[in-house]
């Protein structure tokens, strides 16, 4: 990276943009593939979560073991993975950025034509994340009309191109086509991510998952919440530059770059949320916290032979309502409502009763919606009467819509 006062400022800005970002690093089959190792290491050093994806031909130039040792996850090469039947979909949805370095002439042609013959190509077609490509090839190829046309096509589609440098090429030739300096490439990646950071520095407290209220040492009362939606919101908030604390009961791994607070019961949710809420600029209560719990917990396992046990329930604390009554001025509070029947009408009454700015409601009886699904469909209701309907979509897309509404709320005087 650059040195000197200006370079130090730039390095700090790069780190702020890259920290916690999920970066898919695509490596294609060019002699410059060895430089991708330095790019990988620099991204990790800057705080990014890096997953290398090598084309099969790229492994003729550089090995997967090197990338696996330096990256955040093992290098991937296979579109048909017996342990993950749809790896391109998972990578595409998780990615905050796809960076391809080097990008060969053949890769540019396939990407421009929409060909997905390998894991990298399929990931690029499936993702909505920004894409940066860094061409590297012989000068004659770089000047060829087909390469120019393919690059123009990609640029029209919003792909960011880091142009190659002039210099010594493979075979001793000189001219344009040399892969840009790794520091320049990392800075370009940071700039693309930084442009999306409209929530930079905003402090988020997000909850996710369901609760487990113990009946005895073996059994509990719970619900079907997986925590996927709350985790997706945490990941999207971090991608936009927010400082994120995630209080979650989910078995899902926390997104990179967030503070993770594991909990299990409604009482634990309440304790951890109340301890942190006053410091947050935005509180998003996406967790499905139980309304009731057993009044007493049996110290030993209840036996079937002893007959039917009577379980007396008591209400848990209404964390969302308590936050609404005690929040500080300027804080944005977002509630969630998993409903059946007339979901919007039920959520509208909660919006006013609990004193929130936004409430996100879904009808969990609808196909593909809510608990246990990779997809969701929601209506976002605003205090003051606004309404945003978000049709069935992957949960990361729903998360983006929720955060768009939050960002709009934050921008109001």
Protein backbone atom coordinates (compact mmCIF):
# COMPACT_ATOMS: atom_id res chain seq x y z
CA UNK A 1 0.00 0.00 0.00
CA UNK A 2 1.07 3.65 -0.36
CA UNK A 3 3.36 5.25 2.22
CA UNK A 4 3.55 8.80 3.53
CA UNK A 5 0.77 10.91 5.09
CA UNK A 6 -1.57 10.76 2.10
CA UNK A 7 -0.90 7.06 1.65
CA UNK A 8 -1.61 6.39 5.33
CA UNK A 9 -4.95 8.18 5.05
CA UNK A 10 -5.77 6.17 1.95
CA UNK A 11 -4.82 2.92 3.68
CA UNK A 12 -7.10 3.73 6.62
CA UNK A 13 -9.96 4.50 4.23
CA UNK A 14 -9.35 1.24 2.39
CA UNK A 15 -9.43 -0.71 5.64
CA UNK A 16 -12.66 0.97 6.77
CA UNK A 17 -14.37 0.04 3.50
CA UNK A 18 -13.00 -3.52 3.37
CA UNK A 19 -13.35 -4.51 7.02
CA UNK A 20 -16.01 -7.18 7.33
CA UNK A 21 -16.78 -7.21 3.59
CA UNK A 22 -17.39 -10.61 1.98
CA UNK A 23 -15.18 -10.67 -1.13
CA UNK A 24 -15.21 -13.41 -3.73
CA UNK A 25 -11.76 -13.29 -5.35
CA UNK A 26 -11.94 -14.80 -8.84
CA UNK A 27 -8.68 -16.02 -10.36
CA UNK A 28 -8.49 -16.97 -14.02
CA UNK A 29 -5.82 -18.70 -16.09
CA UNK A 30 -3.21 -16.05 -16.77
CA UNK A 31 0.46 -15.85 -15.89
CA UNK A 32 -0.42 -12.95 -13.57
CA UNK A 33 -2.37 -15.37 -11.35
CA UNK A 34 0.58 -15.45 -8.96
CA UNK A 35 -0.11 -11.78 -8.13
CA UNK A 36 -3.59 -12.72 -6.96
CA UNK A 37 -1.93 -14.30 -3.93
CA UNK A 38 -0.70 -10.87 -2.81
CA UNK A 39 -4.13 -9.38 -3.52
CA UNK A 40 -5.74 -12.09 -1.40
CA UNK A 41 -3.39 -11.44 1.50
CA UNK A 42 -3.85 -7.67 1.32
CA UNK A 43 -7.63 -8.00 1.36
CA UNK A 44 -7.49 -10.27 4.41
CA UNK A 45 -5.05 -7.93 6.15
CA UNK A 46 -7.53 -5.10 5.55
CA UNK A 47 -10.23 -7.05 7.37
CA UNK A 48 -12.14 -8.54 4.43
CA UNK A 49 -13.58 -12.05 4.47
CA UNK A 50 -12.09 -13.52 1.30
CA UNK A 51 -13.20 -16.65 -0.57
CA UNK A 52 -10.94 -17.47 -3.55
CA UNK A 53 -12.66 -19.02 -6.56
CA UNK A 54 -10.22 -20.37 -9.14
CA UNK A 55 -11.18 -21.51 -12.61
CA UNK A 56 -9.97 -25.06 -13.32
CA UNK A 57 -7.40 -23.71 -15.78
CA UNK A 58 -6.10 -21.20 -13.21
CA UNK A 59 -4.78 -24.09 -11.12
CA UNK A 60 -2.22 -24.69 -13.87
CA UNK A 61 -0.60 -21.41 -12.85
CA UNK A 62 -1.12 -21.31 -9.07
CA UNK A 63 -2.26 -23.85 -6.51
CA UNK A 64 -5.32 -23.83 -4.31
CA UNK A 65 -3.31 -24.67 -1.19
CA UNK A 66 -1.60 -21.27 -1.22
CA UNK A 67 -4.91 -19.41 -1.42
CA UNK A 68 -6.51 -21.65 1.20
CA UNK A 69 -3.68 -20.89 3.61
CA UNK A 70 -4.05 -17.12 3.22
CA UNK A 71 -7.78 -16.63 2.65
CA UNK A 72 -10.70 -16.68 5.08
CA UNK A 73 -12.10 -19.91 3.62
CA UNK A 74 -10.60 -22.70 1.51
CA UNK A 75 -10.24 -21.98 -2.19
CA UNK A 76 -13.13 -23.19 -4.34
CA UNK A 77 -12.85 -24.62 -7.85
CA UNK A 78 -15.82 -26.93 -8.39
CA UNK A 79 -19.26 -25.96 -9.67
CA UNK A 80 -20.44 -29.46 -8.81
CA UNK A 81 -19.53 -29.84 -5.14
CA UNK A 82 -20.89 -32.93 -3.36
CA UNK A 83 -20.91 -31.02 -0.06
CA UNK A 84 -22.73 -27.97 -1.46
CA UNK A 85 -25.14 -28.58 -4.35
CA UNK A 86 -25.48 -24.87 -5.21
CA UNK A 87 -22.16 -23.22 -4.28
CA UNK A 88 -22.55 -20.46 -6.87
CA UNK A 89 -25.87 -19.37 -5.35
CA UNK A 90 -24.50 -19.25 -1.82
CA UNK A 91 -21.42 -17.31 -2.88
CA UNK A 92 -23.45 -14.95 -5.05
CA UNK A 93 -25.84 -14.09 -2.23
CA UNK A 94 -23.13 -13.70 0.41
CA UNK A 95 -20.80 -11.55 -1.69
CA UNK A 96 -20.44 -7.84 -1.04
CA UNK A 97 -18.00 -7.70 -3.95
CA UNK A 98 -16.70 -10.02 -6.67
CA UNK A 99 -13.15 -9.15 -7.69
CA UNK A 100 -11.58 -10.96 -10.65
CA UNK A 101 -7.79 -10.66 -10.92
CA UNK A 102 -6.39 -11.51 -13.33
CA UNK A 103 -9.19 -11.41 -15.89
CA UNK A 104 -8.08 -13.05 -19.13
CA UNK A 105 -9.37 -12.28 -22.61
CA UNK A 106 -11.21 -15.60 -22.63
CA UNK A 107 -12.86 -14.85 -19.27
CA UNK A 108 -13.99 -11.41 -20.49
CA UNK A 109 -15.53 -12.98 -23.58
CA UNK A 110 -17.42 -15.61 -21.59
CA UNK A 111 -18.59 -13.12 -18.95
CA UNK A 112 -19.82 -10.67 -21.60
CA UNK A 113 -21.68 -13.48 -23.36
CA UNK A 114 -23.25 -14.76 -20.12
CA UNK A 115 -21.52 -18.15 -20.24
CA UNK A 116 -21.32 -20.01 -16.93
CA UNK A 117 -19.15 -23.04 -17.58
CA UNK A 118 -17.45 -23.00 -14.15
CA UNK A 119 -18.02 -21.88 -10.55
CA UNK A 120 -16.71 -18.35 -11.12
CA UNK A 121 -18.87 -17.78 -14.20
CA UNK A 122 -21.99 -19.11 -12.48
CA UNK A 123 -21.34 -16.98 -9.38
CA UNK A 124 -21.01 -13.85 -11.49
CA UNK A 125 -24.30 -14.49 -13.27
CA UNK A 126 -26.11 -15.16 -9.99
CA UNK A 127 -24.81 -12.23 -7.93
CA UNK A 128 -26.20 -8.73 -7.54
CA UNK A 129 -23.03 -7.53 -5.81
CA UNK A 130 -20.71 -5.04 -7.54
CA UNK A 131 -18.07 -6.63 -9.76
CA UNK A 132 -14.52 -5.44 -10.40
CA UNK A 133 -12.43 -7.03 -13.18
CA UNK A 134 -8.70 -6.55 -13.64
CA UNK A 135 -7.64 -7.55 -17.16
CA UNK A 136 -4.19 -9.00 -17.82
CA UNK A 137 -3.04 -10.38 -21.19
CA UNK A 138 -0.56 -9.90 -24.03
CA UNK A 139 -0.56 -6.42 -25.58
CA UNK A 140 -1.83 -7.78 -28.90
CA UNK A 141 -4.81 -9.37 -27.21
CA UNK A 142 -5.49 -6.24 -25.15
CA UNK A 143 -5.70 -4.17 -28.35
CA UNK A 144 -7.94 -6.66 -30.18
CA UNK A 145 -11.34 -5.31 -31.20
CA UNK A 146 -13.21 -8.22 -29.60
CA UNK A 147 -11.63 -7.54 -26.20
CA UNK A 148 -12.49 -3.86 -26.50
CA UNK A 149 -16.10 -4.71 -27.36
CA UNK A 150 -16.43 -7.20 -24.52
CA UNK A 151 -15.08 -4.67 -22.03
CA UNK A 152 -17.46 -2.02 -23.34
CA UNK A 153 -20.36 -4.44 -22.85
CA UNK A 154 -19.33 -5.15 -19.26
CA UNK A 155 -18.88 -1.47 -18.45
CA UNK A 156 -22.39 -0.74 -19.78
CA UNK A 157 -23.65 -3.36 -17.32
CA UNK A 158 -21.97 -1.62 -14.41
CA UNK A 159 -18.81 -3.70 -14.09
CA UNK A 160 -15.81 -1.71 -12.85
CA UNK A 161 -12.62 -2.25 -14.86
CA UNK A 162 -9.15 -1.69 -13.41
CA UNK A 163 -7.10 -1.26 -16.60
CA UNK A 164 -3.77 -3.00 -17.03
CA UNK A 165 -0.42 -1.23 -16.93
CA UNK A 166 2.28 -1.07 -19.57
CA UNK A 167 5.47 -2.94 -18.89
CA UNK A 168 7.31 -6.21 -19.32
CA UNK A 169 5.02 -9.07 -20.32
CA UNK A 170 5.42 -12.84 -20.40
CA UNK A 171 7.85 -13.90 -23.13
CA UNK A 172 9.89 -10.70 -22.80
CA UNK A 173 7.53 -8.45 -24.74
CA UNK A 174 6.74 -4.90 -23.66
CA UNK A 175 3.44 -3.02 -23.82
CA UNK A 176 -0.01 -2.66 -22.25
CA UNK A 177 -1.57 -5.72 -20.66
CA UNK A 178 0.37 -6.13 -17.42
CA UNK A 179 -1.91 -6.66 -14.41
CA UNK A 180 -2.34 -3.49 -12.37
CA UNK A 181 -0.34 -3.25 -9.16
CA UNK A 182 -2.00 -5.25 -6.36
CA UNK A 183 -2.18 -2.13 -4.16
CA UNK A 184 -4.08 -0.32 -6.93
CA UNK A 185 -6.48 -3.25 -7.25
CA UNK A 186 -7.15 -3.41 -3.50
CA UNK A 187 -7.73 0.36 -3.43
CA UNK A 188 -10.20 0.02 -6.31
CA UNK A 189 -12.08 -2.71 -4.45
CA UNK A 190 -12.22 -0.50 -1.37
CA UNK A 191 -13.48 2.43 -3.42
CA UNK A 192 -16.34 0.37 -4.85
CA UNK A 193 -17.33 -0.88 -1.41
CA UNK A 194 -16.93 2.59 0.10
CA UNK A 195 -19.34 4.04 -2.45
CA UNK A 196 -22.01 1.76 -0.98
CA UNK A 197 -21.26 2.77 2.61
CA UNK A 198 -24.10 5.24 3.18
CA UNK A 199 -24.49 3.87 6.72
CA UNK A 200 -20.82 4.36 7.58
CA UNK A 201 -20.39 4.72 11.32
CA UNK A 202 -24.09 4.26 12.15
CA UNK A 203 -24.40 1.98 15.18
CA UNK A 204 -26.86 -0.90 14.70
CA UNK A 205 -28.22 -3.30 17.29
CA UNK A 206 -29.92 -6.23 15.53
CA UNK A 207 -31.63 -9.28 16.99
CA UNK A 208 -32.20 -12.59 15.21
CA UNK A 209 -33.50 -16.10 15.76
CA UNK A 210 -36.13 -17.69 17.96
CA UNK A 211 -36.10 -18.42 21.67
CA UNK A 212 -35.95 -21.65 23.62
CA UNK A 213 -37.87 -21.46 26.89
CA UNK A 214 -36.96 -24.49 29.03
CA UNK A 215 -39.60 -26.87 30.36
CA UNK A 216 -37.11 -29.27 31.94
CA UNK A 217 -33.42 -30.07 31.31
CA UNK A 218 -34.36 -31.78 28.01
CA UNK A 219 -37.40 -30.00 26.53
CA UNK A 220 -38.25 -26.44 25.64
CA UNK A 221 -40.94 -24.26 24.08
CA UNK A 222 -39.69 -22.68 20.86
CA UNK A 223 -40.59 -21.49 17.40
CA UNK A 224 -39.47 -22.10 13.82
CA UNK A 225 -37.34 -18.99 13.35
CA UNK A 226 -33.98 -19.81 11.75
CA UNK A 227 -32.49 -16.33 12.20
CA UNK A 228 -31.70 -16.05 8.47
CA UNK A 229 -33.52 -12.76 8.01
CA UNK A 230 -31.89 -11.08 11.00
CA UNK A 231 -28.45 -12.32 9.99
CA UNK A 232 -29.04 -11.07 6.44
CA UNK A 233 -29.91 -7.63 7.81
CA UNK A 234 -26.76 -7.64 9.94
CA UNK A 235 -24.64 -8.58 6.93
CA UNK A 236 -26.22 -5.90 4.73
CA UNK A 237 -25.84 -3.23 7.42
CA UNK A 238 -22.16 -4.12 7.79
CA UNK A 239 -21.74 -4.05 4.02
CA UNK A 240 -23.07 -0.50 4.03
CA UNK A 241 -20.51 0.57 6.60
CA UNK A 242 -22.51 0.31 9.81
CA UNK A 243 -21.06 -0.76 13.16
CA UNK A 244 -23.15 -3.83 13.95
CA UNK A 245 -23.92 -5.76 17.11
CA UNK A 246 -25.95 -8.93 16.52
CA UNK A 247 -27.80 -10.54 19.42
CA UNK A 248 -28.86 -13.93 18.11
CA UNK A 249 -29.99 -17.39 19.13
CA UNK A 250 -29.46 -18.77 15.64
CA UNK A 251 -27.11 -21.65 14.85
CA UNK A 252 -25.97 -19.71 11.76
CA UNK A 253 -22.43 -18.37 11.72
CA UNK A 254 -22.40 -14.62 12.38
CA UNK A 255 -21.58 -12.41 9.38
CA UNK A 256 -17.96 -11.24 9.21
CA UNK A 257 -17.17 -7.96 10.95
CA UNK A 258 -20.06 -7.87 13.42
CA UNK A 259 -20.03 -8.15 17.21
CA UNK A 260 -21.89 -11.36 18.03
CA UNK A 261 -23.78 -11.92 21.29
CA UNK A 262 -25.25 -15.45 21.62
CA UNK A 263 -28.46 -15.86 23.61
CA UNK A 264 -31.20 -18.48 23.99
CA UNK A 265 -34.18 -17.35 26.08
CA UNK A 266 -36.44 -14.29 26.06
CA UNK A 267 -34.92 -13.16 29.36
CA UNK A 268 -31.41 -13.34 27.84
CA UNK A 269 -32.56 -11.39 24.79
CA UNK A 270 -34.03 -8.70 27.05
CA UNK A 271 -30.92 -8.47 29.22
CA UNK A 272 -28.46 -8.17 26.32
CA UNK A 273 -30.64 -5.80 24.27
CA UNK A 274 -31.39 -3.43 27.17
CA UNK A 275 -27.68 -3.32 28.03
CA UNK A 276 -26.81 -2.10 24.53
CA UNK A 277 -29.85 -0.27 23.16
CA UNK A 278 -29.04 3.20 24.48
CA UNK A 279 -25.74 3.26 22.54
CA UNK A 280 -27.37 2.27 19.24
CA UNK A 281 -28.52 4.67 16.54
CA UNK A 282 -30.77 1.98 15.04
CA UNK A 283 -32.35 -1.01 16.76
CA UNK A 284 -33.77 -3.76 14.52
CA UNK A 285 -35.79 -6.34 16.45
CA UNK A 286 -35.91 -9.15 13.88
CA UNK A 287 -35.84 -11.95 16.46
CA UNK A 288 -38.94 -14.04 17.14
CA UNK A 289 -38.94 -13.63 20.92
CA UNK A 290 -41.43 -15.81 22.82
CA UNK A 291 -44.52 -14.13 24.27
CA UNK A 292 -44.86 -16.83 26.96
CA UNK A 293 -42.61 -19.18 28.92
CA UNK A 294 -43.15 -21.92 31.51
CA UNK A 295 -43.69 -20.37 34.93
CA UNK A 296 -41.54 -23.03 36.56
CA UNK A 297 -38.83 -25.23 35.08
CA UNK A 298 -38.71 -28.84 36.23
CA UNK A 299 -35.29 -29.65 37.74
CA UNK A 300 -35.35 -33.17 36.24
CA UNK A 301 -36.75 -34.64 33.05
CA UNK A 302 -40.52 -35.05 33.05
CA UNK A 303 -41.33 -38.75 32.62
CA UNK A 304 -44.16 -40.04 30.46
CA UNK A 305 -44.78 -42.75 33.05
CA UNK A 306 -45.63 -40.08 35.62
CA UNK A 307 -48.62 -38.94 33.55
CA UNK A 308 -49.46 -35.77 31.66
CA UNK A 309 -47.63 -32.77 33.10
CA UNK A 310 -49.48 -29.50 33.51
CA UNK A 311 -47.35 -26.59 32.28
CA UNK A 312 -48.39 -23.16 33.52
CA UNK A 313 -47.28 -20.28 31.31
CA UNK A 314 -46.44 -16.70 32.15
CA UNK A 315 -45.84 -13.72 29.82
CA UNK A 316 -42.32 -12.68 28.94
CA UNK A 317 -41.27 -9.04 28.91
CA UNK A 318 -42.30 -7.14 25.79
CA UNK A 319 -38.83 -6.03 24.73
CA UNK A 320 -39.98 -4.03 21.70
CA UNK A 321 -42.58 -2.04 23.66
CA UNK A 322 -40.04 -1.35 26.40
CA UNK A 323 -37.55 -0.07 23.84
CA UNK A 324 -40.25 2.16 22.34
CA UNK A 325 -41.05 3.72 25.70
CA UNK A 326 -37.47 4.38 26.77
CA UNK A 327 -35.57 5.11 23.54
CA UNK A 328 -33.46 8.22 23.26
CA UNK A 329 -34.25 11.06 20.82
CA UNK A 330 -33.17 10.41 17.24
CA UNK A 331 -32.96 6.64 17.62
CA UNK A 332 -34.67 4.60 14.88
CA UNK A 333 -36.58 1.56 16.12
CA UNK A 334 -37.66 -1.25 13.77
CA UNK A 335 -40.00 -4.05 14.79
CA UNK A 336 -40.94 -7.29 13.07
CA UNK A 337 -44.30 -9.03 13.06
CA UNK A 338 -44.74 -12.63 11.91
CA UNK A 339 -48.49 -12.94 11.40
CA UNK A 340 -51.21 -15.06 9.86
CA UNK A 341 -54.60 -13.93 8.60
CA UNK A 342 -54.83 -10.15 8.08
CA UNK A 343 -51.13 -9.61 8.69
CA UNK A 344 -51.00 -5.92 7.74
CA UNK A 345 -53.92 -4.97 9.98
CA UNK A 346 -52.36 -6.77 12.94
CA UNK A 347 -48.99 -5.11 12.32
CA UNK A 348 -50.59 -1.65 11.97
CA UNK A 349 -51.93 -1.86 15.50
CA UNK A 350 -48.51 -2.94 16.79
CA UNK A 351 -46.85 -0.02 14.97
CA UNK A 352 -48.75 2.48 17.08
CA UNK A 353 -48.92 0.49 20.30
CA UNK A 354 -45.21 -0.22 20.54
CA UNK A 355 -43.95 3.20 19.47
CA UNK A 356 -41.73 2.08 16.59
CA UNK A 357 -40.70 3.93 13.43
CA UNK A 358 -40.99 0.95 11.10
CA UNK A 359 -42.54 -2.47 11.39
CA UNK A 360 -41.77 -5.29 8.97
CA UNK A 361 -44.63 -7.74 8.64
CA UNK A 362 -44.92 -11.05 6.84
CA UNK A 363 -47.64 -13.66 6.55
CA UNK A 364 -45.81 -16.80 7.61
CA UNK A 365 -48.66 -18.99 6.32
CA UNK A 366 -47.89 -17.96 2.71
CA UNK A 367 -45.75 -20.28 0.53
CA UNK A 368 -42.02 -19.54 0.68
CA UNK A 369 -42.42 -16.84 3.35
CA UNK A 370 -40.82 -16.50 6.74
CA UNK A 371 -39.57 -19.21 9.07
CA UNK A 372 -37.31 -21.89 7.64
CA UNK A 373 -37.25 -20.49 4.10
CA UNK A 374 -34.43 -18.89 2.11
CA UNK A 375 -37.01 -16.41 0.79
CA UNK A 376 -39.42 -13.92 2.30
CA UNK A 377 -42.10 -11.41 1.31
CA UNK A 378 -42.81 -8.45 3.56
CA UNK A 379 -44.68 -5.20 3.93
CA UNK A 380 -42.82 -2.37 5.63
CA UNK A 381 -45.14 0.00 7.49
CA UNK A 382 -43.93 3.44 8.55
CA UNK A 383 -45.09 5.63 11.40
CA UNK A 384 -46.96 8.39 9.62
CA UNK A 385 -48.62 6.12 7.09
CA UNK A 386 -46.00 5.03 4.57
CA UNK A 387 -46.11 1.50 3.16
CA UNK A 388 -43.59 -0.49 1.11
CA UNK A 389 -44.53 -3.90 -0.31
CA UNK A 390 -41.59 -6.18 -1.07
CA UNK A 391 -42.58 -9.28 -3.10
CA UNK A 392 -41.16 -12.77 -2.60
CA UNK A 393 -37.37 -12.61 -2.85
CA UNK A 394 -34.23 -14.05 -1.24
CA UNK A 395 -33.77 -12.83 2.32
CA UNK A 396 -30.69 -10.71 1.46
CA UNK A 397 -32.91 -8.77 -0.97
CA UNK A 398 -35.49 -8.26 1.80
CA UNK A 399 -32.67 -7.09 4.08
CA UNK A 400 -31.62 -4.48 1.52
CA UNK A 401 -35.20 -3.17 1.29
CA UNK A 402 -35.45 -2.88 5.08
CA UNK A 403 -32.17 -0.98 5.27
CA UNK A 404 -33.20 1.32 2.42
CA UNK A 405 -36.20 2.29 4.57
CA UNK A 406 -33.98 2.76 7.62
CA UNK A 407 -31.52 4.90 5.66
CA UNK A 408 -34.40 7.05 4.41
CA UNK A 409 -35.57 7.47 7.99
CA UNK A 410 -32.10 8.49 9.15
CA UNK A 411 -31.88 11.16 6.46
CA UNK A 412 -34.98 12.95 7.74
CA UNK A 413 -34.32 16.10 9.79
